[in-house]
Every structure is written in C-alpha cells, then in structure tokens.
Amino acid sequence: MDPYEFFLLILPLAVLVAILVIAVLYLSRKDDTVRHKDVEALTELIQTGVVNKENFFVLLQDLAQNNMIEKDSCETFGKLLQESFNEHEEI
C-alpha cells in the first residue's frame, strides 16, 4: 500500500466513520434524556396529586396537543400510568 493511499483514502474514511458514530451516540443519548425528563415530570405530578386515576388520560392528551410530549409517548405513558395505578390498588 502506498503511503499516499493511506493519507488520501483510508484516513479520511476513518475520520468520517468516527464522526458518524459519535453523532449516532449523541442523538440516541439525547432521546433517552428527553424521555427520562418526561417520566420525572409525570412522577412529580402523580406525587403532588395533580394526576390521579380519573384525570390522567385527559392530562396526557393535553400535553400531547400542546406538543410537550409526542403522541406515541402519550399512549405509552397512559399504559404505564394505568399499570401503576392498578399496582397501587392491589397493595
């Protein structure tokens, strides 16, 4: 292999791959952080009594309409909250 091939072909490709891997890792971590913040906010609302079994679907729909959470997240949080409320009733 000629040294010029290494400097002109392989080294730039390696740098490009490293940049793409870093970008993917950054974006995936950012998405997890947003979801973690949403879960913390809902937990705080439940603990303060703002959200209860009767009004949590309405609250989640309002959050989705105001673009504070995604529509898919609304359904997922609804299922999680329903399971959580059912567990507390069993205890």
C-alpha atoms as a PDB file:
ATOM      1  CA  MET A   1       0.000   0.000   0.000  1.00  0.00           C
ATOM      2  CA  ASP A   2       1.305   3.344  -0.995  1.00  0.00           C
ATOM      3  CA  PRO A   3       1.527   5.919   1.830  1.00  0.00           C
ATOM      4  CA  TYR A   4      -0.401   8.399  -0.308  1.00  0.00           C
ATOM      5  CA  GLU A   5      -3.343   5.983  -0.494  1.00  0.00           C
ATOM      6  CA  PHE A   6      -3.436   5.824   3.276  1.00  0.00           C
ATOM      7  CA  PHE A   7      -3.407   9.590   3.752  1.00  0.00           C
ATOM      8  CA  LEU A   8      -5.828  10.353   0.918  1.00  0.00           C
ATOM      9  CA  LEU A   9      -8.300   7.477   1.195  1.00  0.00           C
ATOM     10  CA  ILE A  10      -8.237   5.431   4.392  1.00  0.00           C
ATOM     11  CA  LEU A  11      -7.560   8.153   6.946  1.00  0.00           C
ATOM     12  CA  PRO A  12     -10.421  10.452   5.755  1.00  0.00           C
ATOM     13  CA  LEU A  13     -12.808   7.462   5.695  1.00  0.00           C
ATOM     14  CA  ALA A  14     -11.817   6.530   9.249  1.00  0.00           C
ATOM     15  CA  VAL A  15     -12.434  10.098  10.398  1.00  0.00           C
ATOM     16  CA  LEU A  16     -15.832  10.127   8.667  1.00  0.00           C
ATOM     17  CA  VAL A  17     -16.853   6.840  10.315  1.00  0.00           C
ATOM     18  CA  ALA A  18     -15.757   8.144  13.730  1.00  0.00           C
ATOM     19  CA  ILE A  19     -17.803  11.344  13.261  1.00  0.00           C
ATOM     20  CA  LEU A  20     -20.894   9.350  12.247  1.00  0.00           C
ATOM     21  CA  VAL A  21     -20.582   7.010  15.244  1.00  0.00           C
ATOM     22  CA  ILE A  22     -20.250   9.964  17.617  1.00  0.00           C
ATOM     23  CA  ALA A  23     -23.314  11.636  16.047  1.00  0.00           C
ATOM     24  CA  VAL A  24     -25.437   8.497  16.415  1.00  0.00           C
ATOM     25  CA  LEU A  25     -24.406   8.033  20.051  1.00  0.00           C
ATOM     26  CA  TYR A  26     -25.119  11.685  20.834  1.00  0.00           C
ATOM     27  CA  LEU A  27     -28.584  11.608  19.252  1.00  0.00           C
ATOM     28  CA  SER A  28     -29.559   8.379  20.994  1.00  0.00           C
ATOM     29  CA  ARG A  29     -28.440   9.728  24.375  1.00  0.00           C
ATOM     30  CA  LYS A  30     -30.361  12.962  23.782  1.00  0.00           C
ATOM     31  CA  ASP A  31     -33.557  10.999  23.082  1.00  0.00           C
ATOM     32  CA  ASP A  32     -33.139   8.995  26.311  1.00  0.00           C
ATOM     33  CA  THR A  33     -32.616  12.204  28.281  1.00  0.00           C
ATOM     34  CA  VAL A  34     -35.854  13.719  26.957  1.00  0.00           C
ATOM     35  CA  ARG A  35     -37.836  10.593  27.838  1.00  0.00           C
ATOM     36  CA  HIS A  36     -36.256  10.493  31.288  1.00  0.00           C
ATOM     37  CA  LYS A  37     -37.317  14.106  31.903  1.00  0.00           C
ATOM     38  CA  ASP A  38     -40.887  13.294  30.795  1.00  0.00           C
ATOM     39  CA  VAL A  39     -41.064  10.363  33.193  1.00  0.00           C
ATOM     40  CA  GLU A  40     -39.718  12.508  36.037  1.00  0.00           C
ATOM     41  CA  ALA A  41     -42.319  15.196  35.321  1.00  0.00           C
ATOM     42  CA  LEU A  42     -45.156  12.670  35.351  1.00  0.00           C
ATOM     43  CA  THR A  43     -43.856  11.115  38.566  1.00  0.00           C
ATOM     44  CA  GLU A  44     -43.799  14.530  40.211  1.00  0.00           C
ATOM     45  CA  LEU A  45     -47.357  15.243  39.041  1.00  0.00           C
ATOM     46  CA  ILE A  46     -48.555  11.942  40.485  1.00  0.00           C
ATOM     47  CA  GLN A  47     -46.816  12.532  43.811  1.00  0.00           C
ATOM     48  CA  THR A  48     -48.290  16.015  44.177  1.00  0.00           C
ATOM     49  CA  GLY A  49     -51.778  14.699  43.449  1.00  0.00           C
ATOM     50  CA  VAL A  50     -52.320  16.692  40.253  1.00  0.00           C
ATOM     51  CA  VAL A  51     -52.659  13.442  38.307  1.00  0.00           C
ATOM     52  CA  ASN A  52     -54.947  10.739  39.597  1.00  0.00           C
ATOM     53  CA  LYS A  53     -56.697   7.729  38.123  1.00  0.00           C
ATOM     54  CA  GLU A  54     -59.649   9.757  36.889  1.00  0.00           C
ATOM     55  CA  ASN A  55     -57.841  12.529  35.014  1.00  0.00           C
ATOM     56  CA  PHE A  56     -54.523  11.150  33.767  1.00  0.00           C
ATOM     57  CA  PHE A  57     -55.765  10.376  30.229  1.00  0.00           C
ATOM     58  CA  VAL A  58     -57.088  13.921  29.847  1.00  0.00           C
ATOM     59  CA  LEU A  59     -53.823  15.394  31.141  1.00  0.00           C
ATOM     60  CA  LEU A  60     -51.735  13.270  28.767  1.00  0.00           C
ATOM     61  CA  GLN A  61     -53.898  14.287  25.802  1.00  0.00           C
ATOM     62  CA  ASP A  62     -53.475  17.954  26.744  1.00  0.00           C
ATOM     63  CA  LEU A  63     -49.708  17.518  26.929  1.00  0.00           C
ATOM     64  CA  ALA A  64     -49.708  15.857  23.510  1.00  0.00           C
ATOM     65  CA  GLN A  65     -51.854  18.624  21.979  1.00  0.00           C
ATOM     66  CA  ASN A  66     -49.502  21.280  23.355  1.00  0.00           C
ATOM     67  CA  ASN A  67     -46.549  19.385  21.804  1.00  0.00           C
ATOM     68  CA  MET A  68     -44.977  18.875  25.206  1.00  0.00           C
ATOM     69  CA  ILE A  69     -44.871  15.116  24.592  1.00  0.00           C
ATOM     70  CA  GLU A  70     -45.221  13.071  21.433  1.00  0.00           C
ATOM     71  CA  LYS A  71     -48.415  11.219  20.511  1.00  0.00           C
ATOM     72  CA  ASP A  72     -46.644   7.860  20.819  1.00  0.00           C
ATOM     73  CA  SER A  73     -45.336   8.862  24.232  1.00  0.00           C
ATOM     74  CA  CYS A  74     -48.870   9.762  25.282  1.00  0.00           C
ATOM     75  CA  GLU A  75     -50.073   6.218  24.617  1.00  0.00           C
ATOM     76  CA  THR A  76     -47.024   4.677  26.266  1.00  0.00           C
ATOM     77  CA  PHE A  77     -47.317   6.867  29.363  1.00  0.00           C
ATOM     78  CA  GLY A  78     -51.040   6.091  29.521  1.00  0.00           C
ATOM     79  CA  LYS A  79     -50.333   2.364  29.630  1.00  0.00           C
ATOM     80  CA  LEU A  80     -47.583   2.803  32.223  1.00  0.00           C
ATOM     81  CA  LEU A  81     -49.750   5.004  34.419  1.00  0.00           C
ATOM     82  CA  GLN A  82     -52.677   2.597  34.163  1.00  0.00           C
ATOM     83  CA  GLU A  83     -50.432  -0.272  35.272  1.00  0.00           C
ATOM     84  CA  SER A  84     -49.018   1.868  38.072  1.00  0.00           C
ATOM     85  CA  PHE A  85     -52.463   2.783  39.374  1.00  0.00           C
ATOM     86  CA  ASN A  86     -53.543  -0.863  39.200  1.00  0.00           C
ATOM     87  CA  GLU A  87     -50.488  -1.938  41.215  1.00  0.00           C
ATOM     88  CA  HIS A  88     -51.244   0.629  43.932  1.00  0.00           C
ATOM     89  CA  GLU A  89     -54.816  -0.647  44.213  1.00  0.00           C
ATOM     90  CA  GLU A  90     -53.594  -4.218  44.714  1.00  0.00           C
ATOM     91  CA  ILE A  91     -51.288  -3.210  47.584  1.00  0.00           C
END
